[in-house]
Amino acid sequence: MILVRIALSVTFLICLGAFAADENSSDGNFVYAELASGSLDERIGVNSNVTTLKIGGQNLLRDHFYVAVDYSARFIHPQNTTTELYSLLPGIKFRYQVVDELELGAGVKLGYLWAKQTQDIDGANLYSENSVQWGGMTELRYRVSDKWELSVAGELKNSDTVDEHIFYLSSEYHVSPNVKLGIFYSHTNGDYNTAKIKGESTSNDGGMVVTYCF
């Protein structure tokens, strides 16, 4: 099932790229991959018990509106358990250039969350739930120079398993006209409803992102 979800996400991204090439509209279109490591209920770097992989992208629909998709696989493993959260969130985004160096973005998402929690020792299933997930985001992006960008963003994601409020801070550098490499920090406030993680918890993550613009 995991490979199927990843394959579907990658296929959708390829379709976005093909559509963009056909329409010859590359302004603001991109695909990305992100890898992060972090700590649950600790300062970043104290316990590396959270790992997150994300892939996604967006493609121009018309004017300032984009179709977008994000797929994430998140693994949380404190207390001799592993919590797996797989999320697929398509949505619509709006981007507006306030001035030459400053851009504002916002979006809404609606998709699905697959959640599973197991005991590390014997693999016993502790929790399993699949549910609809919805969310929204806002972003402010500032172009320091032709090659260097800074951004700050806020995102919320809600489901029966977990409600998350996420703060992002990132820095990206154009290593070529089409490729950006970046680093980021994220802070997540989560309200969990699983067997071993219940109620409010926080996580602090840091990672790297590579973006291909087309």
N, C-alpha and C. Protein backbone atom coordinates (compact mmCIF):
# COMPACT_ATOMS: atom_id res chain seq x y z
N MET A 1 0.82 -1.21 0.00
CA MET A 1 0.00 0.00 0.00
C MET A 1 0.85 1.26 0.00
N ILE A 2 1.97 1.24 0.74
CA ILE A 2 2.85 2.41 0.79
C ILE A 2 3.39 2.72 -0.59
N LEU A 3 3.87 1.66 -1.28
CA LEU A 3 4.43 1.86 -2.62
C LEU A 3 3.37 2.34 -3.59
N VAL A 4 2.15 1.86 -3.43
CA VAL A 4 1.06 2.30 -4.30
C VAL A 4 0.80 3.79 -4.12
N ARG A 5 0.76 4.24 -2.87
CA ARG A 5 0.50 5.67 -2.62
C ARG A 5 1.62 6.54 -3.16
N ILE A 6 2.88 6.10 -2.98
CA ILE A 6 4.01 6.86 -3.52
C ILE A 6 3.95 6.88 -5.04
N ALA A 7 3.64 5.74 -5.65
CA ALA A 7 3.56 5.67 -7.12
C ALA A 7 2.47 6.59 -7.66
N LEU A 8 1.32 6.62 -6.98
CA LEU A 8 0.24 7.50 -7.41
C LEU A 8 0.66 8.96 -7.32
N SER A 9 1.36 9.31 -6.24
CA SER A 9 1.82 10.69 -6.06
C SER A 9 2.81 11.09 -7.14
N VAL A 10 3.78 10.20 -7.41
CA VAL A 10 4.78 10.50 -8.44
C VAL A 10 4.14 10.62 -9.81
N THR A 11 3.19 9.72 -10.11
CA THR A 11 2.48 9.78 -11.38
C THR A 11 1.75 11.09 -11.55
N PHE A 12 1.12 11.55 -10.48
CA PHE A 12 0.40 12.82 -10.55
C PHE A 12 1.35 13.96 -10.81
N LEU A 13 2.53 13.94 -10.17
CA LEU A 13 3.52 14.99 -10.40
C LEU A 13 4.02 14.99 -11.83
N ILE A 14 4.24 13.81 -12.38
CA ILE A 14 4.67 13.72 -13.78
C ILE A 14 3.61 14.30 -14.71
N CYS A 15 2.35 14.01 -14.40
CA CYS A 15 1.25 14.56 -15.21
C CYS A 15 1.22 16.09 -15.12
N LEU A 16 1.48 16.62 -13.93
CA LEU A 16 1.54 18.08 -13.79
C LEU A 16 2.63 18.67 -14.67
N GLY A 17 3.81 18.01 -14.64
CA GLY A 17 4.92 18.51 -15.46
C GLY A 17 4.60 18.44 -16.94
N ALA A 18 3.99 17.35 -17.37
CA ALA A 18 3.63 17.20 -18.78
C ALA A 18 2.62 18.26 -19.20
N PHE A 19 1.63 18.51 -18.34
CA PHE A 19 0.63 19.53 -18.64
C PHE A 19 1.28 20.90 -18.76
N ALA A 20 2.21 21.16 -17.83
CA ALA A 20 2.90 22.46 -17.87
C ALA A 20 3.70 22.63 -19.15
N ALA A 21 4.37 21.56 -19.56
CA ALA A 21 5.17 21.65 -20.78
C ALA A 21 4.30 21.89 -21.99
N ASP A 22 3.13 21.23 -22.02
CA ASP A 22 2.23 21.39 -23.15
C ASP A 22 1.69 22.81 -23.24
N GLU A 23 1.39 23.38 -22.05
CA GLU A 23 0.81 24.72 -22.03
C GLU A 23 1.86 25.82 -22.08
N ASN A 24 3.14 25.41 -21.98
CA ASN A 24 4.23 26.37 -22.01
C ASN A 24 4.05 27.45 -20.94
N SER A 25 3.64 27.02 -19.74
CA SER A 25 3.41 27.93 -18.63
C SER A 25 4.22 27.47 -17.44
N SER A 26 5.41 28.06 -17.22
CA SER A 26 6.32 27.57 -16.20
C SER A 26 6.40 28.49 -15.00
N ASP A 27 5.67 29.57 -14.98
CA ASP A 27 5.80 30.57 -13.93
C ASP A 27 5.22 30.04 -12.62
N GLY A 28 6.10 29.74 -11.66
CA GLY A 28 5.66 29.28 -10.36
C GLY A 28 5.43 27.79 -10.26
N ASN A 29 5.69 27.02 -11.32
CA ASN A 29 5.49 25.57 -11.27
C ASN A 29 6.73 24.89 -10.70
N PHE A 30 6.53 23.87 -9.86
CA PHE A 30 7.68 23.16 -9.31
C PHE A 30 7.25 21.80 -8.74
N VAL A 31 8.25 20.93 -8.57
CA VAL A 31 8.13 19.72 -7.77
C VAL A 31 9.24 19.75 -6.74
N TYR A 32 9.02 19.08 -5.61
CA TYR A 32 10.01 19.15 -4.54
C TYR A 32 10.10 17.82 -3.79
N ALA A 33 11.20 17.63 -3.08
CA ALA A 33 11.39 16.51 -2.16
C ALA A 33 12.04 17.04 -0.90
N GLU A 34 11.58 16.54 0.23
CA GLU A 34 11.98 17.07 1.53
C GLU A 34 12.29 15.91 2.47
N LEU A 35 13.35 16.04 3.25
CA LEU A 35 13.69 15.04 4.25
C LEU A 35 14.05 15.74 5.55
N ALA A 36 13.40 15.33 6.65
CA ALA A 36 13.62 16.00 7.93
C ALA A 36 13.75 14.99 9.06
N SER A 37 14.48 15.40 10.10
CA SER A 37 14.62 14.62 11.31
C SER A 37 14.37 15.55 12.49
N GLY A 38 13.74 15.01 13.54
CA GLY A 38 13.42 15.88 14.67
C GLY A 38 13.15 15.14 15.95
N SER A 39 12.61 15.87 16.92
CA SER A 39 12.38 15.36 18.25
C SER A 39 10.95 15.61 18.69
N LEU A 40 10.35 14.62 19.35
CA LEU A 40 9.01 14.75 19.91
C LEU A 40 9.11 15.21 21.36
N ASP A 41 8.44 16.32 21.67
CA ASP A 41 8.41 16.88 23.02
C ASP A 41 9.80 17.17 23.58
N GLU A 42 10.75 17.50 22.71
CA GLU A 42 12.11 17.86 23.11
C GLU A 42 12.61 18.96 22.18
N ARG A 43 13.69 19.62 22.60
CA ARG A 43 14.36 20.55 21.70
C ARG A 43 14.96 19.78 20.53
N ILE A 44 15.08 20.43 19.39
CA ILE A 44 15.63 19.76 18.22
C ILE A 44 17.05 19.28 18.50
N GLY A 45 17.35 18.05 18.12
CA GLY A 45 18.66 17.47 18.34
C GLY A 45 18.79 16.66 19.61
N VAL A 46 17.81 16.75 20.52
CA VAL A 46 17.90 16.00 21.78
C VAL A 46 17.63 14.52 21.53
N ASN A 47 16.51 14.20 20.90
CA ASN A 47 16.16 12.82 20.53
C ASN A 47 15.71 12.82 19.08
N SER A 48 16.40 12.08 18.24
CA SER A 48 16.00 12.01 16.83
C SER A 48 14.97 10.89 16.67
N ASN A 49 13.76 11.13 17.18
CA ASN A 49 12.73 10.09 17.14
C ASN A 49 11.58 10.44 16.20
N VAL A 50 11.79 11.43 15.34
CA VAL A 50 10.80 11.78 14.32
C VAL A 50 11.50 11.91 12.97
N THR A 51 10.99 11.22 11.96
CA THR A 51 11.54 11.30 10.61
C THR A 51 10.39 11.56 9.63
N THR A 52 10.61 12.51 8.73
CA THR A 52 9.55 12.86 7.77
C THR A 52 10.12 12.96 6.36
N LEU A 53 9.42 12.33 5.42
CA LEU A 53 9.72 12.44 3.99
C LEU A 53 8.51 13.05 3.31
N LYS A 54 8.74 14.08 2.49
CA LYS A 54 7.65 14.72 1.76
C LYS A 54 8.03 14.89 0.30
N ILE A 55 7.07 14.70 -0.59
CA ILE A 55 7.23 15.05 -1.99
C ILE A 55 5.95 15.76 -2.43
N GLY A 56 6.08 16.60 -3.43
CA GLY A 56 4.89 17.32 -3.89
C GLY A 56 5.22 18.26 -5.01
N GLY A 57 4.26 19.10 -5.32
CA GLY A 57 4.46 20.08 -6.38
C GLY A 57 3.21 20.89 -6.64
N GLN A 58 3.34 21.83 -7.56
CA GLN A 58 2.20 22.65 -7.96
C GLN A 58 2.35 23.05 -9.42
N ASN A 59 1.19 23.32 -10.04
CA ASN A 59 1.18 23.72 -11.44
C ASN A 59 0.11 24.78 -11.66
N LEU A 60 0.44 25.77 -12.48
CA LEU A 60 -0.46 26.89 -12.72
C LEU A 60 -1.74 26.44 -13.41
N LEU A 61 -2.88 26.85 -12.84
CA LEU A 61 -4.18 26.65 -13.47
C LEU A 61 -4.52 27.84 -14.34
N ARG A 62 -4.64 29.01 -13.70
CA ARG A 62 -4.88 30.25 -14.43
C ARG A 62 -4.59 31.41 -13.48
N ASP A 63 -4.13 32.51 -14.07
CA ASP A 63 -3.80 33.71 -13.30
C ASP A 63 -2.93 33.35 -12.11
N HIS A 64 -3.42 33.57 -10.88
CA HIS A 64 -2.62 33.34 -9.67
C HIS A 64 -2.96 32.02 -8.98
N PHE A 65 -3.75 31.16 -9.61
CA PHE A 65 -4.22 29.94 -8.96
C PHE A 65 -3.47 28.71 -9.48
N TYR A 66 -3.15 27.81 -8.54
CA TYR A 66 -2.37 26.61 -8.83
C TYR A 66 -3.06 25.38 -8.28
N VAL A 67 -2.93 24.26 -8.99
CA VAL A 67 -3.31 22.97 -8.43
C VAL A 67 -2.05 22.40 -7.78
N ALA A 68 -2.21 21.83 -6.58
CA ALA A 68 -1.05 21.36 -5.82
C ALA A 68 -1.34 19.99 -5.23
N VAL A 69 -0.27 19.27 -4.90
CA VAL A 69 -0.42 17.99 -4.20
C VAL A 69 0.80 17.81 -3.30
N ASP A 70 0.56 17.27 -2.11
CA ASP A 70 1.62 16.97 -1.16
C ASP A 70 1.42 15.56 -0.61
N TYR A 71 2.48 14.78 -0.62
CA TYR A 71 2.46 13.45 0.00
C TYR A 71 3.53 13.43 1.08
N SER A 72 3.19 12.95 2.27
CA SER A 72 4.17 12.89 3.35
C SER A 72 4.09 11.54 4.04
N ALA A 73 5.25 11.06 4.47
CA ALA A 73 5.36 9.86 5.30
C ALA A 73 6.12 10.27 6.55
N ARG A 74 5.46 10.16 7.70
CA ARG A 74 6.03 10.62 8.97
C ARG A 74 6.09 9.46 9.95
N PHE A 75 7.26 9.29 10.56
CA PHE A 75 7.49 8.19 11.49
C PHE A 75 7.90 8.75 12.85
N ILE A 76 7.12 8.40 13.87
CA ILE A 76 7.39 8.85 15.24
C ILE A 76 7.62 7.60 16.09
N HIS A 77 8.79 7.52 16.75
CA HIS A 77 9.08 6.29 17.47
C HIS A 77 9.69 6.51 18.86
N PRO A 78 8.89 7.10 19.77
CA PRO A 78 9.29 7.10 21.18
C PRO A 78 8.68 5.90 21.92
N GLN A 79 9.13 5.65 23.13
CA GLN A 79 8.49 4.68 24.04
C GLN A 79 8.36 3.29 23.43
N ASN A 80 9.37 2.85 22.67
CA ASN A 80 9.38 1.50 22.09
C ASN A 80 8.19 1.23 21.17
N THR A 81 7.66 2.27 20.57
CA THR A 81 6.58 2.12 19.59
C THR A 81 6.94 2.91 18.34
N THR A 82 6.26 2.59 17.24
CA THR A 82 6.43 3.35 15.99
C THR A 82 5.05 3.77 15.50
N THR A 83 4.89 5.07 15.30
CA THR A 83 3.66 5.62 14.74
C THR A 83 3.95 6.05 13.31
N GLU A 84 3.17 5.52 12.36
CA GLU A 84 3.33 5.84 10.95
C GLU A 84 2.13 6.65 10.47
N LEU A 85 2.43 7.81 9.88
CA LEU A 85 1.38 8.69 9.35
C LEU A 85 1.67 8.96 7.88
N TYR A 86 0.79 8.49 7.00
CA TYR A 86 0.93 8.70 5.55
C TYR A 86 -0.21 9.60 5.09
N SER A 87 0.15 10.71 4.48
CA SER A 87 -0.85 11.71 4.12
C SER A 87 -0.75 12.08 2.64
N LEU A 88 -1.88 12.11 1.96
CA LEU A 88 -1.95 12.56 0.57
C LEU A 88 -2.96 13.70 0.50
N LEU A 89 -2.47 14.91 0.18
CA LEU A 89 -3.31 16.10 0.23
C LEU A 89 -3.23 16.90 -1.07
N PRO A 90 -4.16 16.72 -1.99
CA PRO A 90 -4.28 17.63 -3.13
C PRO A 90 -5.01 18.90 -2.69
N GLY A 91 -4.81 19.96 -3.46
CA GLY A 91 -5.48 21.21 -3.09
C GLY A 91 -5.30 22.29 -4.13
N ILE A 92 -5.75 23.48 -3.76
CA ILE A 92 -5.66 24.68 -4.60
C ILE A 92 -4.88 25.74 -3.84
N LYS A 93 -3.96 26.40 -4.55
CA LYS A 93 -3.16 27.46 -3.93
C LYS A 93 -3.31 28.77 -4.70
N PHE A 94 -3.17 29.85 -3.98
CA PHE A 94 -3.20 31.19 -4.56
C PHE A 94 -1.89 31.88 -4.23
N ARG A 95 -1.26 32.47 -5.24
CA ARG A 95 0.00 33.19 -5.03
C ARG A 95 -0.11 34.59 -5.64
N TYR A 96 0.34 35.58 -4.87
CA TYR A 96 0.25 36.96 -5.32
C TYR A 96 1.54 37.69 -4.99
N GLN A 97 2.11 38.36 -6.00
CA GLN A 97 3.34 39.10 -5.82
C GLN A 97 3.01 40.51 -5.35
N VAL A 98 3.29 40.76 -4.07
CA VAL A 98 2.97 42.05 -3.46
C VAL A 98 3.86 43.14 -4.06
N VAL A 99 5.15 42.91 -4.03
CA VAL A 99 6.15 43.75 -4.70
C VAL A 99 7.12 42.79 -5.38
N ASP A 100 8.14 43.34 -6.06
CA ASP A 100 9.06 42.48 -6.82
C ASP A 100 9.72 41.42 -5.95
N GLU A 101 10.07 41.77 -4.71
CA GLU A 101 10.81 40.84 -3.86
C GLU A 101 9.93 40.03 -2.92
N LEU A 102 8.65 40.38 -2.80
CA LEU A 102 7.80 39.78 -1.77
C LEU A 102 6.57 39.13 -2.39
N GLU A 103 6.32 37.87 -1.98
CA GLU A 103 5.19 37.11 -2.51
C GLU A 103 4.38 36.51 -1.37
N LEU A 104 3.06 36.57 -1.51
CA LEU A 104 2.14 36.02 -0.53
C LEU A 104 1.43 34.81 -1.12
N GLY A 105 1.31 33.74 -0.34
CA GLY A 105 0.63 32.53 -0.81
C GLY A 105 -0.36 32.02 0.22
N ALA A 106 -1.40 31.36 -0.25
CA ALA A 106 -2.40 30.75 0.63
C ALA A 106 -3.02 29.58 -0.11
N GLY A 107 -3.54 28.60 0.65
CA GLY A 107 -4.12 27.44 -0.01
C GLY A 107 -4.99 26.61 0.91
N VAL A 108 -5.80 25.75 0.30
CA VAL A 108 -6.63 24.80 1.04
C VAL A 108 -6.37 23.41 0.47
N LYS A 109 -6.51 22.38 1.34
CA LYS A 109 -6.21 21.01 0.94
C LYS A 109 -7.29 20.07 1.47
N LEU A 110 -7.53 19.01 0.74
CA LEU A 110 -8.47 17.97 1.17
C LEU A 110 -7.97 16.64 0.65
N GLY A 111 -7.73 15.70 1.58
CA GLY A 111 -7.19 14.41 1.16
C GLY A 111 -7.45 13.32 2.17
N TYR A 112 -6.44 12.48 2.40
CA TYR A 112 -6.64 11.29 3.21
C TYR A 112 -5.40 11.01 4.04
N LEU A 113 -5.61 10.47 5.25
CA LEU A 113 -4.53 10.11 6.16
C LEU A 113 -4.64 8.63 6.51
N TRP A 114 -3.51 7.90 6.35
CA TRP A 114 -3.40 6.52 6.79
C TRP A 114 -2.52 6.50 8.04
N ALA A 115 -3.03 6.02 9.16
CA ALA A 115 -2.28 6.03 10.42
C ALA A 115 -2.19 4.62 11.00
N LYS A 116 -1.00 4.31 11.55
CA LYS A 116 -0.78 3.00 12.15
C LYS A 116 0.24 3.15 13.27
N GLN A 117 0.01 2.41 14.37
CA GLN A 117 0.93 2.42 15.50
C GLN A 117 1.19 0.98 15.94
N THR A 118 2.47 0.61 16.07
CA THR A 118 2.83 -0.76 16.41
C THR A 118 3.86 -0.78 17.54
N GLN A 119 3.93 -1.93 18.22
CA GLN A 119 4.92 -2.17 19.26
C GLN A 119 6.21 -2.62 18.60
N ASP A 120 7.36 -2.00 18.96
CA ASP A 120 8.62 -2.33 18.32
C ASP A 120 9.09 -3.74 18.64
N ILE A 121 8.83 -4.23 19.84
CA ILE A 121 9.38 -5.52 20.26
C ILE A 121 8.79 -6.67 19.46
N ASP A 122 7.48 -6.73 19.36
CA ASP A 122 6.83 -7.88 18.71
C ASP A 122 5.98 -7.51 17.49
N GLY A 123 5.94 -6.21 17.14
CA GLY A 123 5.17 -5.79 15.98
C GLY A 123 3.67 -5.77 16.18
N ALA A 124 3.22 -5.90 17.44
CA ALA A 124 1.79 -5.92 17.73
C ALA A 124 1.13 -4.61 17.34
N ASN A 125 -0.04 -4.70 16.73
CA ASN A 125 -0.77 -3.52 16.28
C ASN A 125 -1.47 -2.84 17.48
N LEU A 126 -1.16 -1.57 17.70
CA LEU A 126 -1.74 -0.82 18.81
C LEU A 126 -2.85 0.12 18.36
N TYR A 127 -2.73 0.60 17.11
CA TYR A 127 -3.71 1.57 16.61
C TYR A 127 -3.67 1.56 15.10
N SER A 128 -4.84 1.66 14.49
CA SER A 128 -4.93 1.74 13.03
C SER A 128 -6.18 2.52 12.66
N GLU A 129 -6.01 3.55 11.85
CA GLU A 129 -7.14 4.40 11.48
C GLU A 129 -6.85 5.08 10.15
N ASN A 130 -7.81 5.03 9.24
CA ASN A 130 -7.75 5.77 7.98
C ASN A 130 -8.89 6.77 7.95
N SER A 131 -8.57 8.03 7.64
CA SER A 131 -9.61 9.05 7.73
C SER A 131 -9.33 10.19 6.77
N VAL A 132 -10.38 10.96 6.50
CA VAL A 132 -10.25 12.17 5.69
C VAL A 132 -9.40 13.19 6.45
N GLN A 133 -8.56 13.89 5.70
CA GLN A 133 -7.74 14.96 6.29
C GLN A 133 -7.93 16.23 5.47
N TRP A 134 -8.04 17.35 6.15
CA TRP A 134 -8.17 18.63 5.46
C TRP A 134 -7.27 19.66 6.13
N GLY A 135 -6.96 20.72 5.41
CA GLY A 135 -6.08 21.72 5.98
C GLY A 135 -5.99 22.97 5.13
N GLY A 136 -5.11 23.86 5.57
CA GLY A 136 -4.87 25.11 4.87
C GLY A 136 -3.50 25.65 5.23
N MET A 137 -3.02 26.58 4.44
CA MET A 137 -1.70 27.16 4.67
C MET A 137 -1.63 28.60 4.20
N THR A 138 -0.71 29.35 4.80
CA THR A 138 -0.35 30.69 4.33
C THR A 138 1.17 30.77 4.30
N GLU A 139 1.71 31.54 3.37
CA GLU A 139 3.16 31.63 3.21
C GLU A 139 3.55 33.04 2.78
N LEU A 140 4.67 33.49 3.29
CA LEU A 140 5.27 34.75 2.88
C LEU A 140 6.69 34.45 2.42
N ARG A 141 7.00 34.80 1.17
CA ARG A 141 8.30 34.47 0.59
C ARG A 141 9.00 35.76 0.16
N TYR A 142 10.26 35.90 0.59
CA TYR A 142 11.04 37.11 0.29
C TYR A 142 12.29 36.74 -0.50
N ARG A 143 12.49 37.41 -1.64
CA ARG A 143 13.66 37.17 -2.47
C ARG A 143 14.77 38.14 -2.07
N VAL A 144 15.77 37.62 -1.38
CA VAL A 144 16.90 38.43 -0.91
C VAL A 144 17.74 38.88 -2.09
N SER A 145 17.96 37.96 -3.03
CA SER A 145 18.71 38.26 -4.25
C SER A 145 18.16 37.40 -5.37
N ASP A 146 18.79 37.45 -6.54
CA ASP A 146 18.32 36.64 -7.67
C ASP A 146 18.39 35.15 -7.37
N LYS A 147 19.26 34.74 -6.45
CA LYS A 147 19.45 33.32 -6.19
C LYS A 147 19.02 32.87 -4.79
N TRP A 148 18.77 33.80 -3.89
CA TRP A 148 18.52 33.44 -2.49
C TRP A 148 17.12 33.86 -2.07
N GLU A 149 16.36 32.91 -1.48
CA GLU A 149 14.99 33.17 -1.03
C GLU A 149 14.82 32.75 0.43
N LEU A 150 14.04 33.53 1.17
CA LEU A 150 13.64 33.19 2.53
C LEU A 150 12.13 33.08 2.58
N SER A 151 11.61 32.17 3.39
CA SER A 151 10.16 32.06 3.50
C SER A 151 9.75 31.68 4.92
N VAL A 152 8.56 32.13 5.29
CA VAL A 152 7.94 31.75 6.55
C VAL A 152 6.52 31.32 6.24
N ALA A 153 6.04 30.25 6.88
CA ALA A 153 4.73 29.71 6.54
C ALA A 153 4.06 29.12 7.77
N GLY A 154 2.74 29.10 7.73
CA GLY A 154 1.94 28.44 8.75
C GLY A 154 0.96 27.49 8.08
N GLU A 155 0.75 26.33 8.69
CA GLU A 155 -0.12 25.32 8.10
C GLU A 155 -0.91 24.61 9.19
N LEU A 156 -2.15 24.25 8.87
CA LEU A 156 -2.93 23.41 9.77
C LEU A 156 -3.43 22.20 9.00
N LYS A 157 -3.44 21.04 9.69
CA LYS A 157 -3.95 19.79 9.11
C LYS A 157 -4.78 19.10 10.18
N ASN A 158 -6.03 18.75 9.83
CA ASN A 158 -6.95 18.15 10.78
C ASN A 158 -7.46 16.80 10.30
N SER A 159 -7.56 15.84 11.23
CA SER A 159 -8.12 14.52 10.94
C SER A 159 -8.57 13.91 12.25
N ASP A 160 -9.18 12.71 12.17
CA ASP A 160 -9.60 12.01 13.38
C ASP A 160 -8.42 11.56 14.23
N THR A 161 -7.27 11.33 13.60
CA THR A 161 -6.09 10.84 14.32
C THR A 161 -5.29 11.95 14.97
N VAL A 162 -5.07 13.04 14.26
CA VAL A 162 -4.24 14.12 14.79
C VAL A 162 -4.63 15.46 14.15
N ASP A 163 -4.63 16.50 14.96
CA ASP A 163 -4.77 17.87 14.48
C ASP A 163 -3.41 18.55 14.67
N GLU A 164 -2.89 19.16 13.60
CA GLU A 164 -1.56 19.74 13.65
C GLU A 164 -1.58 21.20 13.24
N HIS A 165 -0.80 22.02 13.97
CA HIS A 165 -0.52 23.40 13.61
C HIS A 165 0.99 23.52 13.44
N ILE A 166 1.41 23.89 12.24
CA ILE A 166 2.83 23.80 11.88
C ILE A 166 3.37 25.17 11.48
N PHE A 167 4.55 25.50 11.98
CA PHE A 167 5.27 26.73 11.62
C PHE A 167 6.54 26.34 10.88
N TYR A 168 6.76 26.95 9.70
CA TYR A 168 7.93 26.67 8.88
C TYR A 168 8.78 27.93 8.71
N LEU A 169 10.10 27.73 8.70
CA LEU A 169 11.05 28.78 8.36
C LEU A 169 12.11 28.15 7.47
N SER A 170 12.31 28.71 6.26
CA SER A 170 13.22 28.06 5.32
C SER A 170 14.07 29.08 4.58
N SER A 171 15.20 28.58 4.07
CA SER A 171 16.12 29.35 3.24
C SER A 171 16.50 28.48 2.05
N GLU A 172 16.34 29.03 0.82
CA GLU A 172 16.62 28.27 -0.39
C GLU A 172 17.53 29.06 -1.32
N TYR A 173 18.40 28.34 -2.03
CA TYR A 173 19.38 28.96 -2.92
C TYR A 173 19.32 28.28 -4.29
N HIS A 174 19.26 29.09 -5.35
CA HIS A 174 19.24 28.58 -6.72
C HIS A 174 20.66 28.15 -7.12
N VAL A 175 20.87 26.86 -7.25
CA VAL A 175 22.17 26.37 -7.73
C VAL A 175 22.22 26.34 -9.25
N SER A 176 21.04 26.44 -9.87
CA SER A 176 20.92 26.57 -11.32
C SER A 176 19.59 27.27 -11.59
N PRO A 177 19.31 27.68 -12.82
CA PRO A 177 18.03 28.35 -13.10
C PRO A 177 16.80 27.52 -12.70
N ASN A 178 16.91 26.20 -12.71
CA ASN A 178 15.76 25.34 -12.44
C ASN A 178 15.79 24.61 -11.11
N VAL A 179 16.93 24.62 -10.42
CA VAL A 179 17.09 23.82 -9.21
C VAL A 179 17.42 24.69 -8.01
N LYS A 180 16.69 24.45 -6.91
CA LYS A 180 16.95 25.12 -5.64
C LYS A 180 17.28 24.08 -4.57
N LEU A 181 18.25 24.40 -3.72
CA LEU A 181 18.55 23.60 -2.55
C LEU A 181 18.30 24.45 -1.32
N GLY A 182 17.75 23.84 -0.29
CA GLY A 182 17.42 24.63 0.89
C GLY A 182 17.49 23.85 2.18
N ILE A 183 17.45 24.60 3.27
CA ILE A 183 17.34 24.03 4.61
C ILE A 183 16.12 24.66 5.27
N PHE A 184 15.54 23.95 6.25
CA PHE A 184 14.34 24.49 6.90
C PHE A 184 14.24 24.01 8.34
N TYR A 185 13.44 24.73 9.11
CA TYR A 185 13.08 24.36 10.48
C TYR A 185 11.56 24.38 10.58
N SER A 186 11.00 23.40 11.28
CA SER A 186 9.56 23.41 11.49
C SER A 186 9.24 23.06 12.95
N HIS A 187 8.21 23.70 13.47
CA HIS A 187 7.71 23.43 14.81
C HIS A 187 6.25 23.04 14.69
N THR A 188 5.88 21.88 15.26
CA THR A 188 4.53 21.35 15.13
C THR A 188 3.88 21.19 16.50
N ASN A 189 2.71 21.78 16.66
CA ASN A 189 1.85 21.51 17.81
C ASN A 189 0.79 20.52 17.36
N GLY A 190 0.76 19.34 17.99
CA GLY A 190 -0.18 18.31 17.58
C GLY A 190 -1.08 17.86 18.71
N ASP A 191 -2.32 17.54 18.37
CA ASP A 191 -3.27 16.96 19.32
C ASP A 191 -3.59 15.56 18.82
N TYR A 192 -3.00 14.53 19.46
CA TYR A 192 -3.04 13.17 18.95
C TYR A 192 -4.14 12.35 19.63
N ASN A 193 -4.64 11.36 18.89
CA ASN A 193 -5.65 10.45 19.41
C ASN A 193 -5.28 9.02 19.04
N THR A 194 -4.10 8.58 19.52
CA THR A 194 -3.64 7.21 19.28
C THR A 194 -3.46 6.51 20.63
N ALA A 195 -3.09 5.22 20.57
CA ALA A 195 -2.97 4.44 21.80
C ALA A 195 -1.84 4.93 22.70
N LYS A 196 -0.69 5.27 22.12
CA LYS A 196 0.48 5.62 22.91
C LYS A 196 0.81 7.11 22.91
N ILE A 197 0.29 7.85 21.95
CA ILE A 197 0.48 9.31 21.93
C ILE A 197 -0.91 9.92 21.99
N LYS A 198 -1.23 10.48 23.15
CA LYS A 198 -2.57 11.05 23.36
C LYS A 198 -2.44 12.48 23.84
N GLY A 199 -3.35 13.32 23.36
CA GLY A 199 -3.36 14.71 23.79
C GLY A 199 -2.31 15.54 23.06
N GLU A 200 -1.92 16.65 23.66
CA GLU A 200 -1.04 17.61 23.00
C GLU A 200 0.43 17.20 23.10
N SER A 201 1.12 17.28 21.97
CA SER A 201 2.56 17.05 21.89
C SER A 201 3.14 18.03 20.88
N THR A 202 4.41 18.29 21.00
CA THR A 202 5.10 19.16 20.05
C THR A 202 6.28 18.41 19.43
N SER A 203 6.66 18.83 18.24
CA SER A 203 7.86 18.29 17.63
C SER A 203 8.62 19.42 16.95
N ASN A 204 9.94 19.31 16.97
CA ASN A 204 10.83 20.27 16.32
C ASN A 204 11.67 19.51 15.31
N ASP A 205 11.63 19.95 14.05
CA ASP A 205 12.28 19.24 12.96
C ASP A 205 13.18 20.19 12.17
N GLY A 206 14.26 19.63 11.65
CA GLY A 206 15.11 20.34 10.72
C GLY A 206 15.45 19.44 9.56
N GLY A 207 15.64 20.02 8.37
CA GLY A 207 15.91 19.16 7.24
C GLY A 207 16.37 19.92 6.01
N MET A 208 16.39 19.18 4.90
CA MET A 208 16.82 19.71 3.61
C MET A 208 15.72 19.52 2.58
N VAL A 209 15.68 20.40 1.59
CA VAL A 209 14.69 20.33 0.53
C VAL A 209 15.37 20.62 -0.80
N VAL A 210 14.97 19.88 -1.82
CA VAL A 210 15.43 20.15 -3.19
C VAL A 210 14.18 20.40 -4.04
N THR A 211 14.23 21.46 -4.84
CA THR A 211 13.09 21.88 -5.66
C THR A 211 13.51 22.02 -7.12
N TYR A 212 12.69 21.46 -8.00
CA TYR A 212 12.91 21.62 -9.44
C TYR A 212 11.79 22.49 -10.01
N CYS A 213 12.15 23.62 -10.57
CA CYS A 213 11.19 24.56 -11.14
C CYS A 213 11.10 24.33 -12.65
N PHE A 214 9.86 24.33 -13.19
CA PHE A 214 9.69 24.06 -14.63
C PHE A 214 8.66 25.00 -15.23
